[in-house]
Amino acid sequence: MKEVLKRLNWKLILVHFIATWLFIHSFYILFYLHDIEFTEFIMKNRNQTPVFNEIPFDTKRMSDFFIVTGISKFIGLLVAFIISLSISFYRKWFWLNSVLVLLITYSFFRLDFLLWDYLKVIFRLIGGFMPNITLDFLVDGLVMLLLGLLVFFSKKLTQLINSKKNI
């Protein structure tokens, strides 16, 4: 048991947690693009509760939209986990660190501790300058995805994770 605890690396867990957080929310934003017409409708009417008869979409299309955007975060979590696990095997880090990142992030996600409601104002800022909603979501999602990849593959962060001294 002590051997397992010695091999856990809190710096790796923290860095991969941040990258996983970015992946989850970038996938969430990018999956809105699968039905941009419905996304535009939601964005235009987000401060109102439209009467059901006035909604120009059928219930199948609406349920498909909410199902796809609902599972998008889980897909982002799984993709980030696969990347984290691959990096751990490649760099000969203990694989349980990646599993812990998955479990911690999933727990935070289920308990709604990922603070997306507060931080989305910052991460959705760049796309707000785009001329249409498609570019808005595309730019915001890709920026977050690139930041996540940067965190996963940064040489400076790899050196930090490998260093023996504490921060």
N, C-alpha and C. Protein backbone atom coordinates (compact mmCIF):
# COMPACT_ATOMS: atom_id res chain seq x y z
N MET A 1 0.82 -1.20 0.00
CA MET A 1 0.00 0.00 0.00
C MET A 1 0.86 1.26 0.00
N LYS A 2 1.93 1.23 0.81
CA LYS A 2 2.82 2.39 0.85
C LYS A 2 3.48 2.63 -0.51
N GLU A 3 3.79 1.53 -1.20
CA GLU A 3 4.41 1.63 -2.52
C GLU A 3 3.48 2.33 -3.51
N VAL A 4 2.22 2.02 -3.44
CA VAL A 4 1.23 2.65 -4.33
C VAL A 4 1.12 4.13 -4.01
N LEU A 5 1.04 4.48 -2.74
CA LEU A 5 0.93 5.88 -2.35
C LEU A 5 2.16 6.68 -2.74
N LYS A 6 3.34 6.05 -2.69
CA LYS A 6 4.57 6.75 -3.09
C LYS A 6 4.58 7.07 -4.58
N ARG A 7 3.93 6.23 -5.36
CA ARG A 7 3.95 6.42 -6.82
C ARG A 7 2.90 7.42 -7.30
N LEU A 8 1.98 7.81 -6.42
CA LEU A 8 1.00 8.83 -6.80
C LEU A 8 1.69 10.19 -6.88
N ASN A 9 1.33 10.95 -7.88
CA ASN A 9 1.96 12.25 -8.12
C ASN A 9 0.87 13.31 -8.16
N TRP A 10 0.78 14.11 -7.09
CA TRP A 10 -0.29 15.10 -7.00
C TRP A 10 -0.15 16.18 -8.07
N LYS A 11 1.09 16.47 -8.50
CA LYS A 11 1.27 17.48 -9.56
C LYS A 11 0.70 16.97 -10.88
N LEU A 12 0.94 15.70 -11.18
CA LEU A 12 0.38 15.10 -12.38
C LEU A 12 -1.15 15.09 -12.32
N ILE A 13 -1.68 14.71 -11.17
CA ILE A 13 -3.13 14.67 -11.01
C ILE A 13 -3.74 16.06 -11.21
N LEU A 14 -3.13 17.07 -10.64
CA LEU A 14 -3.64 18.44 -10.78
C LEU A 14 -3.56 18.94 -12.22
N VAL A 15 -2.43 18.73 -12.87
CA VAL A 15 -2.25 19.19 -14.26
C VAL A 15 -3.22 18.47 -15.19
N HIS A 16 -3.35 17.18 -15.04
CA HIS A 16 -4.26 16.43 -15.91
C HIS A 16 -5.73 16.72 -15.57
N PHE A 17 -6.01 17.07 -14.33
CA PHE A 17 -7.37 17.49 -13.98
C PHE A 17 -7.73 18.78 -14.72
N ILE A 18 -6.81 19.72 -14.76
CA ILE A 18 -7.06 20.99 -15.47
C ILE A 18 -7.27 20.73 -16.97
N ALA A 19 -6.42 19.90 -17.55
CA ALA A 19 -6.57 19.58 -18.97
C ALA A 19 -7.90 18.85 -19.23
N THR A 20 -8.26 17.96 -18.34
CA THR A 20 -9.53 17.23 -18.49
C THR A 20 -10.71 18.19 -18.37
N TRP A 21 -10.63 19.13 -17.46
CA TRP A 21 -11.68 20.14 -17.31
C TRP A 21 -11.86 20.91 -18.62
N LEU A 22 -10.74 21.29 -19.22
CA LEU A 22 -10.80 22.02 -20.49
C LEU A 22 -11.40 21.15 -21.60
N PHE A 23 -11.05 19.88 -21.63
CA PHE A 23 -11.60 18.97 -22.63
C PHE A 23 -13.11 18.81 -22.47
N ILE A 24 -13.55 18.59 -21.24
CA ILE A 24 -14.98 18.40 -20.99
C ILE A 24 -15.78 19.58 -21.53
N HIS A 25 -15.34 20.76 -21.21
CA HIS A 25 -16.12 21.94 -21.60
C HIS A 25 -15.91 22.33 -23.07
N SER A 26 -14.78 22.00 -23.64
CA SER A 26 -14.62 22.27 -25.08
C SER A 26 -15.52 21.34 -25.89
N PHE A 27 -15.62 20.09 -25.48
CA PHE A 27 -16.53 19.16 -26.17
C PHE A 27 -17.97 19.63 -26.02
N TYR A 28 -18.31 20.11 -24.83
CA TYR A 28 -19.66 20.60 -24.58
C TYR A 28 -20.00 21.76 -25.52
N ILE A 29 -19.08 22.68 -25.66
CA ILE A 29 -19.31 23.83 -26.55
C ILE A 29 -19.35 23.39 -28.00
N LEU A 30 -18.41 22.55 -28.41
CA LEU A 30 -18.35 22.12 -29.82
C LEU A 30 -19.55 21.28 -30.22
N PHE A 31 -20.13 20.54 -29.29
CA PHE A 31 -21.28 19.71 -29.64
C PHE A 31 -22.53 20.53 -29.89
N TYR A 32 -22.54 21.78 -29.50
CA TYR A 32 -23.66 22.65 -29.84
C TYR A 32 -23.73 22.90 -31.34
N LEU A 33 -22.62 22.70 -32.02
CA LEU A 33 -22.58 22.94 -33.47
C LEU A 33 -23.30 21.87 -34.27
N HIS A 34 -23.67 20.75 -33.65
CA HIS A 34 -24.32 19.68 -34.42
C HIS A 34 -25.71 20.11 -34.90
N ASP A 35 -26.35 21.06 -34.22
CA ASP A 35 -27.63 21.61 -34.65
C ASP A 35 -27.61 23.11 -34.37
N ILE A 36 -26.93 23.81 -35.24
CA ILE A 36 -26.71 25.24 -35.01
C ILE A 36 -28.00 26.04 -35.09
N GLU A 37 -28.94 25.58 -35.86
CA GLU A 37 -30.22 26.28 -35.97
C GLU A 37 -30.97 26.25 -34.63
N PHE A 38 -30.98 25.10 -33.99
CA PHE A 38 -31.63 24.99 -32.68
C PHE A 38 -30.84 25.76 -31.62
N THR A 39 -29.51 25.73 -31.73
CA THR A 39 -28.66 26.48 -30.80
C THR A 39 -28.97 27.97 -30.90
N GLU A 40 -29.12 28.49 -32.12
CA GLU A 40 -29.47 29.90 -32.30
C GLU A 40 -30.80 30.22 -31.65
N PHE A 41 -31.76 29.32 -31.80
CA PHE A 41 -33.07 29.53 -31.19
C PHE A 41 -32.95 29.62 -29.67
N ILE A 42 -32.15 28.73 -29.09
CA ILE A 42 -31.97 28.74 -27.63
C ILE A 42 -31.28 30.03 -27.20
N MET A 43 -30.25 30.44 -27.93
CA MET A 43 -29.51 31.64 -27.55
C MET A 43 -30.37 32.90 -27.66
N LYS A 44 -31.23 32.96 -28.64
CA LYS A 44 -32.10 34.13 -28.81
C LYS A 44 -33.19 34.19 -27.74
N ASN A 45 -33.63 33.04 -27.27
CA ASN A 45 -34.74 32.98 -26.32
C ASN A 45 -34.32 32.54 -24.92
N ARG A 46 -33.06 32.71 -24.56
CA ARG A 46 -32.59 32.17 -23.29
C ARG A 46 -33.15 32.91 -22.07
N ASN A 47 -33.60 34.13 -22.24
CA ASN A 47 -34.16 34.88 -21.12
C ASN A 47 -35.68 34.79 -21.07
N GLN A 48 -36.26 34.00 -21.96
CA GLN A 48 -37.70 33.87 -22.02
C GLN A 48 -38.06 32.39 -21.94
N THR A 49 -39.28 32.13 -21.56
CA THR A 49 -39.80 30.76 -21.59
C THR A 49 -40.82 30.72 -22.73
N PRO A 50 -40.42 30.18 -23.89
CA PRO A 50 -41.34 30.20 -25.02
C PRO A 50 -42.51 29.23 -24.82
N VAL A 51 -43.64 29.58 -25.34
CA VAL A 51 -44.80 28.71 -25.31
C VAL A 51 -44.52 27.54 -26.24
N PHE A 52 -44.88 26.33 -25.80
CA PHE A 52 -44.54 25.12 -26.54
C PHE A 52 -45.03 25.18 -27.99
N ASN A 53 -46.20 25.75 -28.23
CA ASN A 53 -46.74 25.82 -29.59
C ASN A 53 -45.94 26.74 -30.49
N GLU A 54 -45.19 27.67 -29.90
CA GLU A 54 -44.43 28.63 -30.69
C GLU A 54 -43.04 28.14 -31.06
N ILE A 55 -42.61 27.01 -30.52
CA ILE A 55 -41.29 26.48 -30.81
C ILE A 55 -41.32 25.85 -32.21
N PRO A 56 -40.46 26.33 -33.11
CA PRO A 56 -40.52 25.85 -34.50
C PRO A 56 -39.82 24.50 -34.74
N PHE A 57 -39.61 23.72 -33.70
CA PHE A 57 -38.91 22.44 -33.83
C PHE A 57 -39.76 21.33 -33.24
N ASP A 58 -39.61 20.14 -33.79
CA ASP A 58 -40.37 19.01 -33.25
C ASP A 58 -39.66 18.45 -32.02
N THR A 59 -40.38 17.66 -31.26
CA THR A 59 -39.84 17.15 -29.99
C THR A 59 -38.68 16.18 -30.20
N LYS A 60 -38.67 15.44 -31.30
CA LYS A 60 -37.56 14.52 -31.57
C LYS A 60 -36.27 15.30 -31.76
N ARG A 61 -36.35 16.38 -32.52
CA ARG A 61 -35.16 17.19 -32.76
C ARG A 61 -34.67 17.82 -31.45
N MET A 62 -35.59 18.29 -30.62
CA MET A 62 -35.19 18.88 -29.34
C MET A 62 -34.58 17.82 -28.42
N SER A 63 -35.18 16.65 -28.36
CA SER A 63 -34.63 15.61 -27.48
C SER A 63 -33.28 15.13 -27.99
N ASP A 64 -33.12 15.01 -29.31
CA ASP A 64 -31.82 14.64 -29.87
C ASP A 64 -30.76 15.68 -29.49
N PHE A 65 -31.12 16.93 -29.59
CA PHE A 65 -30.19 18.01 -29.26
C PHE A 65 -29.75 17.90 -27.80
N PHE A 66 -30.69 17.72 -26.89
CA PHE A 66 -30.35 17.68 -25.47
C PHE A 66 -29.62 16.39 -25.10
N ILE A 67 -29.90 15.31 -25.78
CA ILE A 67 -29.17 14.06 -25.53
C ILE A 67 -27.72 14.21 -25.99
N VAL A 68 -27.54 14.73 -27.20
CA VAL A 68 -26.18 14.88 -27.73
C VAL A 68 -25.36 15.85 -26.89
N THR A 69 -25.92 17.00 -26.54
CA THR A 69 -25.16 17.94 -25.72
C THR A 69 -24.97 17.39 -24.31
N GLY A 70 -25.89 16.55 -23.84
CA GLY A 70 -25.75 15.96 -22.52
C GLY A 70 -24.61 14.96 -22.44
N ILE A 71 -24.44 14.15 -23.48
CA ILE A 71 -23.36 13.16 -23.44
C ILE A 71 -22.02 13.74 -23.88
N SER A 72 -22.04 14.95 -24.40
CA SER A 72 -20.79 15.55 -24.89
C SER A 72 -19.74 15.68 -23.79
N LYS A 73 -20.16 16.01 -22.58
CA LYS A 73 -19.20 16.14 -21.48
C LYS A 73 -18.57 14.79 -21.13
N PHE A 74 -19.35 13.73 -21.18
CA PHE A 74 -18.81 12.40 -20.91
C PHE A 74 -17.83 11.98 -22.00
N ILE A 75 -18.13 12.33 -23.23
CA ILE A 75 -17.21 12.02 -24.33
C ILE A 75 -15.91 12.79 -24.13
N GLY A 76 -16.00 14.07 -23.77
CA GLY A 76 -14.80 14.85 -23.48
C GLY A 76 -14.00 14.26 -22.33
N LEU A 77 -14.69 13.79 -21.31
CA LEU A 77 -14.01 13.15 -20.16
C LEU A 77 -13.29 11.88 -20.59
N LEU A 78 -13.93 11.07 -21.41
CA LEU A 78 -13.31 9.82 -21.86
C LEU A 78 -12.12 10.08 -22.79
N VAL A 79 -12.25 11.05 -23.69
CA VAL A 79 -11.13 11.39 -24.58
C VAL A 79 -9.95 11.90 -23.76
N ALA A 80 -10.21 12.75 -22.79
CA ALA A 80 -9.13 13.27 -21.93
C ALA A 80 -8.50 12.14 -21.12
N PHE A 81 -9.31 11.20 -20.65
CA PHE A 81 -8.77 10.07 -19.90
C PHE A 81 -7.86 9.21 -20.77
N ILE A 82 -8.27 8.96 -22.00
CA ILE A 82 -7.45 8.17 -22.92
C ILE A 82 -6.12 8.87 -23.19
N ILE A 83 -6.17 10.19 -23.39
CA ILE A 83 -4.94 10.95 -23.61
C ILE A 83 -4.07 10.90 -22.36
N SER A 84 -4.67 11.13 -21.19
CA SER A 84 -3.92 11.11 -19.93
C SER A 84 -3.27 9.75 -19.70
N LEU A 85 -4.01 8.70 -19.93
CA LEU A 85 -3.48 7.34 -19.75
C LEU A 85 -2.36 7.05 -20.75
N SER A 86 -2.53 7.50 -21.99
CA SER A 86 -1.50 7.30 -23.01
C SER A 86 -0.21 8.04 -22.64
N ILE A 87 -0.37 9.27 -22.18
CA ILE A 87 0.80 10.05 -21.77
C ILE A 87 1.49 9.37 -20.58
N SER A 88 0.69 8.89 -19.65
CA SER A 88 1.27 8.22 -18.47
C SER A 88 2.06 6.97 -18.87
N PHE A 89 1.53 6.19 -19.79
CA PHE A 89 2.27 5.00 -20.25
C PHE A 89 3.53 5.41 -21.01
N TYR A 90 3.41 6.42 -21.85
CA TYR A 90 4.55 6.86 -22.66
C TYR A 90 5.68 7.40 -21.78
N ARG A 91 5.33 8.17 -20.78
CA ARG A 91 6.34 8.79 -19.91
C ARG A 91 6.71 7.90 -18.71
N LYS A 92 6.11 6.70 -18.69
CA LYS A 92 6.37 5.72 -17.63
C LYS A 92 5.98 6.26 -16.24
N TRP A 93 4.86 7.00 -16.22
CA TRP A 93 4.28 7.45 -14.97
C TRP A 93 3.29 6.38 -14.51
N PHE A 94 2.97 6.40 -13.26
CA PHE A 94 2.05 5.42 -12.69
C PHE A 94 0.64 5.63 -13.26
N TRP A 95 0.07 4.57 -13.82
CA TRP A 95 -1.23 4.67 -14.50
C TRP A 95 -2.38 5.01 -13.57
N LEU A 96 -2.22 4.72 -12.27
CA LEU A 96 -3.29 5.00 -11.32
C LEU A 96 -3.54 6.50 -11.17
N ASN A 97 -2.53 7.32 -11.48
CA ASN A 97 -2.73 8.78 -11.46
C ASN A 97 -3.82 9.18 -12.45
N SER A 98 -3.79 8.62 -13.64
CA SER A 98 -4.81 8.92 -14.65
C SER A 98 -6.19 8.43 -14.24
N VAL A 99 -6.23 7.28 -13.61
CA VAL A 99 -7.50 6.75 -13.14
C VAL A 99 -8.07 7.65 -12.04
N LEU A 100 -7.19 8.14 -11.17
CA LEU A 100 -7.64 9.07 -10.13
C LEU A 100 -8.16 10.37 -10.73
N VAL A 101 -7.50 10.85 -11.77
CA VAL A 101 -7.99 12.06 -12.46
C VAL A 101 -9.40 11.80 -13.00
N LEU A 102 -9.58 10.65 -13.61
CA LEU A 102 -10.91 10.29 -14.13
C LEU A 102 -11.94 10.26 -13.01
N LEU A 103 -11.64 9.59 -11.90
CA LEU A 103 -12.60 9.45 -10.81
C LEU A 103 -12.88 10.79 -10.12
N ILE A 104 -11.85 11.58 -9.92
CA ILE A 104 -12.03 12.89 -9.27
C ILE A 104 -12.85 13.81 -10.17
N THR A 105 -12.49 13.86 -11.45
CA THR A 105 -13.21 14.74 -12.37
C THR A 105 -14.66 14.29 -12.53
N TYR A 106 -14.88 12.99 -12.65
CA TYR A 106 -16.25 12.50 -12.76
C TYR A 106 -17.06 12.83 -11.50
N SER A 107 -16.44 12.66 -10.33
CA SER A 107 -17.13 13.00 -9.08
C SER A 107 -17.46 14.48 -9.02
N PHE A 108 -16.51 15.32 -9.37
CA PHE A 108 -16.75 16.76 -9.39
C PHE A 108 -17.84 17.11 -10.39
N PHE A 109 -17.83 16.43 -11.53
CA PHE A 109 -18.83 16.67 -12.56
C PHE A 109 -20.22 16.31 -12.06
N ARG A 110 -20.35 15.13 -11.45
CA ARG A 110 -21.66 14.68 -10.96
C ARG A 110 -22.16 15.55 -9.80
N LEU A 111 -21.25 16.06 -8.99
CA LEU A 111 -21.63 16.91 -7.87
C LEU A 111 -21.72 18.39 -8.26
N ASP A 112 -21.47 18.66 -9.52
CA ASP A 112 -21.51 20.03 -10.07
C ASP A 112 -20.51 20.96 -9.37
N PHE A 113 -19.31 20.45 -9.14
CA PHE A 113 -18.24 21.24 -8.53
C PHE A 113 -17.23 21.76 -9.55
N LEU A 114 -17.51 21.62 -10.84
CA LEU A 114 -16.54 22.04 -11.85
C LEU A 114 -16.60 23.54 -12.13
N LEU A 115 -17.54 24.25 -11.53
CA LEU A 115 -17.65 25.71 -11.57
C LEU A 115 -17.81 26.29 -12.97
N TRP A 116 -18.41 25.53 -13.88
CA TRP A 116 -18.60 26.01 -15.24
C TRP A 116 -19.46 27.26 -15.29
N ASP A 117 -20.48 27.33 -14.45
CA ASP A 117 -21.39 28.48 -14.47
C ASP A 117 -20.66 29.79 -14.17
N TYR A 118 -19.60 29.72 -13.38
CA TYR A 118 -18.84 30.92 -13.04
C TYR A 118 -17.73 31.20 -14.05
N LEU A 119 -17.09 30.15 -14.53
CA LEU A 119 -15.93 30.32 -15.40
C LEU A 119 -16.27 30.45 -16.88
N LYS A 120 -17.49 30.10 -17.28
CA LYS A 120 -17.84 30.17 -18.69
C LYS A 120 -17.82 31.61 -19.20
N VAL A 121 -18.02 32.57 -18.31
CA VAL A 121 -17.97 33.98 -18.71
C VAL A 121 -16.58 34.31 -19.26
N ILE A 122 -15.56 33.74 -18.66
CA ILE A 122 -14.19 33.98 -19.10
C ILE A 122 -13.89 33.20 -20.38
N PHE A 123 -14.23 31.91 -20.40
CA PHE A 123 -13.86 31.06 -21.52
C PHE A 123 -14.74 31.26 -22.75
N ARG A 124 -15.90 31.87 -22.60
CA ARG A 124 -16.77 32.12 -23.74
C ARG A 124 -16.59 33.55 -24.26
N LEU A 125 -15.62 34.28 -23.72
CA LEU A 125 -15.42 35.68 -24.07
C LEU A 125 -14.91 35.88 -25.49
N ILE A 126 -13.96 35.06 -25.92
CA ILE A 126 -13.31 35.26 -27.22
C ILE A 126 -14.30 35.12 -28.36
N GLY A 127 -15.14 34.10 -28.31
CA GLY A 127 -16.11 33.87 -29.39
C GLY A 127 -17.18 34.94 -29.46
N GLY A 128 -17.37 35.67 -28.40
CA GLY A 128 -18.37 36.73 -28.39
C GLY A 128 -18.10 37.83 -29.39
N PHE A 129 -16.87 37.91 -29.86
CA PHE A 129 -16.51 38.94 -30.84
C PHE A 129 -16.72 38.47 -32.28
N MET A 130 -17.17 37.24 -32.45
CA MET A 130 -17.38 36.69 -33.80
C MET A 130 -18.70 37.18 -34.38
N PRO A 131 -18.76 37.29 -35.72
CA PRO A 131 -19.95 37.87 -36.35
C PRO A 131 -21.18 36.97 -36.34
N ASN A 132 -21.01 35.65 -36.14
CA ASN A 132 -22.19 34.79 -36.07
C ASN A 132 -22.00 33.71 -35.00
N ILE A 133 -23.07 33.03 -34.69
CA ILE A 133 -23.07 32.08 -33.59
C ILE A 133 -22.23 30.84 -33.89
N THR A 134 -22.15 30.45 -35.15
CA THR A 134 -21.34 29.29 -35.51
C THR A 134 -19.87 29.55 -35.20
N LEU A 135 -19.37 30.69 -35.61
CA LEU A 135 -17.98 31.04 -35.31
C LEU A 135 -17.77 31.23 -33.81
N ASP A 136 -18.76 31.77 -33.14
CA ASP A 136 -18.69 31.96 -31.69
C ASP A 136 -18.41 30.63 -30.99
N PHE A 137 -19.24 29.62 -31.26
CA PHE A 137 -19.07 28.33 -30.61
C PHE A 137 -17.82 27.61 -31.11
N LEU A 138 -17.53 27.73 -32.39
CA LEU A 138 -16.36 27.07 -32.95
C LEU A 138 -15.07 27.62 -32.34
N VAL A 139 -14.96 28.92 -32.28
CA VAL A 139 -13.75 29.54 -31.73
C VAL A 139 -13.61 29.23 -30.24
N ASP A 140 -14.68 29.39 -29.49
CA ASP A 140 -14.60 29.11 -28.05
C ASP A 140 -14.23 27.65 -27.78
N GLY A 141 -14.86 26.72 -28.50
CA GLY A 141 -14.57 25.30 -28.31
C GLY A 141 -13.16 24.94 -28.70
N LEU A 142 -12.71 25.46 -29.84
CA LEU A 142 -11.35 25.14 -30.29
C LEU A 142 -10.29 25.76 -29.40
N VAL A 143 -10.52 26.96 -28.89
CA VAL A 143 -9.56 27.58 -27.98
C VAL A 143 -9.42 26.74 -26.71
N MET A 144 -10.54 26.30 -26.18
CA MET A 144 -10.47 25.47 -24.97
C MET A 144 -9.83 24.11 -25.25
N LEU A 145 -10.11 23.55 -26.42
CA LEU A 145 -9.50 22.28 -26.79
C LEU A 145 -7.98 22.44 -26.95
N LEU A 146 -7.56 23.51 -27.59
CA LEU A 146 -6.13 23.76 -27.75
C LEU A 146 -5.45 24.02 -26.41
N LEU A 147 -6.13 24.73 -25.52
CA LEU A 147 -5.56 24.93 -24.18
C LEU A 147 -5.42 23.59 -23.44
N GLY A 148 -6.41 22.73 -23.58
CA GLY A 148 -6.33 21.41 -22.96
C GLY A 148 -5.17 20.60 -23.51
N LEU A 149 -5.01 20.62 -24.84
CA LEU A 149 -3.88 19.91 -25.45
C LEU A 149 -2.55 20.50 -25.02
N LEU A 150 -2.51 21.82 -24.91
CA LEU A 150 -1.30 22.49 -24.46
C LEU A 150 -0.94 22.06 -23.03
N VAL A 151 -1.93 21.97 -22.17
CA VAL A 151 -1.68 21.54 -20.79
C VAL A 151 -1.20 20.08 -20.78
N PHE A 152 -1.83 19.23 -21.57
CA PHE A 152 -1.41 17.83 -21.61
C PHE A 152 0.03 17.67 -22.13
N PHE A 153 0.39 18.40 -23.17
CA PHE A 153 1.65 18.14 -23.87
C PHE A 153 2.74 19.19 -23.64
N SER A 154 2.54 20.10 -22.71
CA SER A 154 3.52 21.14 -22.43
C SER A 154 4.80 20.55 -21.83
N LYS A 155 5.93 20.94 -22.40
CA LYS A 155 7.21 20.45 -21.87
C LYS A 155 7.49 21.02 -20.49
N LYS A 156 7.11 22.27 -20.27
CA LYS A 156 7.34 22.89 -18.96
C LYS A 156 6.54 22.17 -17.88
N LEU A 157 5.29 21.83 -18.19
CA LEU A 157 4.49 21.11 -17.20
C LEU A 157 4.99 19.69 -17.00
N THR A 158 5.52 19.07 -18.05
CA THR A 158 6.12 17.74 -17.90
C THR A 158 7.34 17.81 -17.00
N GLN A 159 8.14 18.86 -17.16
CA GLN A 159 9.30 19.04 -16.28
C GLN A 159 8.85 19.28 -14.84
N LEU A 160 7.78 20.06 -14.67
CA LEU A 160 7.26 20.29 -13.34
C LEU A 160 6.78 18.99 -12.69
N ILE A 161 6.09 18.17 -13.46
CA ILE A 161 5.59 16.90 -12.94
C ILE A 161 6.75 15.98 -12.57
N ASN A 162 7.80 15.98 -13.37
CA ASN A 162 8.96 15.10 -13.12
C ASN A 162 9.88 15.62 -12.03
N SER A 163 9.80 16.91 -11.72
CA SER A 163 10.72 17.48 -10.73
C SER A 163 10.43 16.92 -9.34
N LYS A 164 11.47 16.82 -8.57
CA LYS A 164 11.34 16.27 -7.21
C LYS A 164 10.96 17.35 -6.20
N LYS A 165 11.24 18.60 -6.53
CA LYS A 165 10.95 19.65 -5.53
C LYS A 165 9.47 20.02 -5.59
N ASN A 166 8.98 20.43 -4.45
CA ASN A 166 7.58 20.83 -4.34
C ASN A 166 7.43 22.29 -4.73
N ILE A 167 6.24 22.63 -5.13
CA ILE A 167 5.97 24.02 -5.54
C ILE A 167 5.79 24.87 -4.31
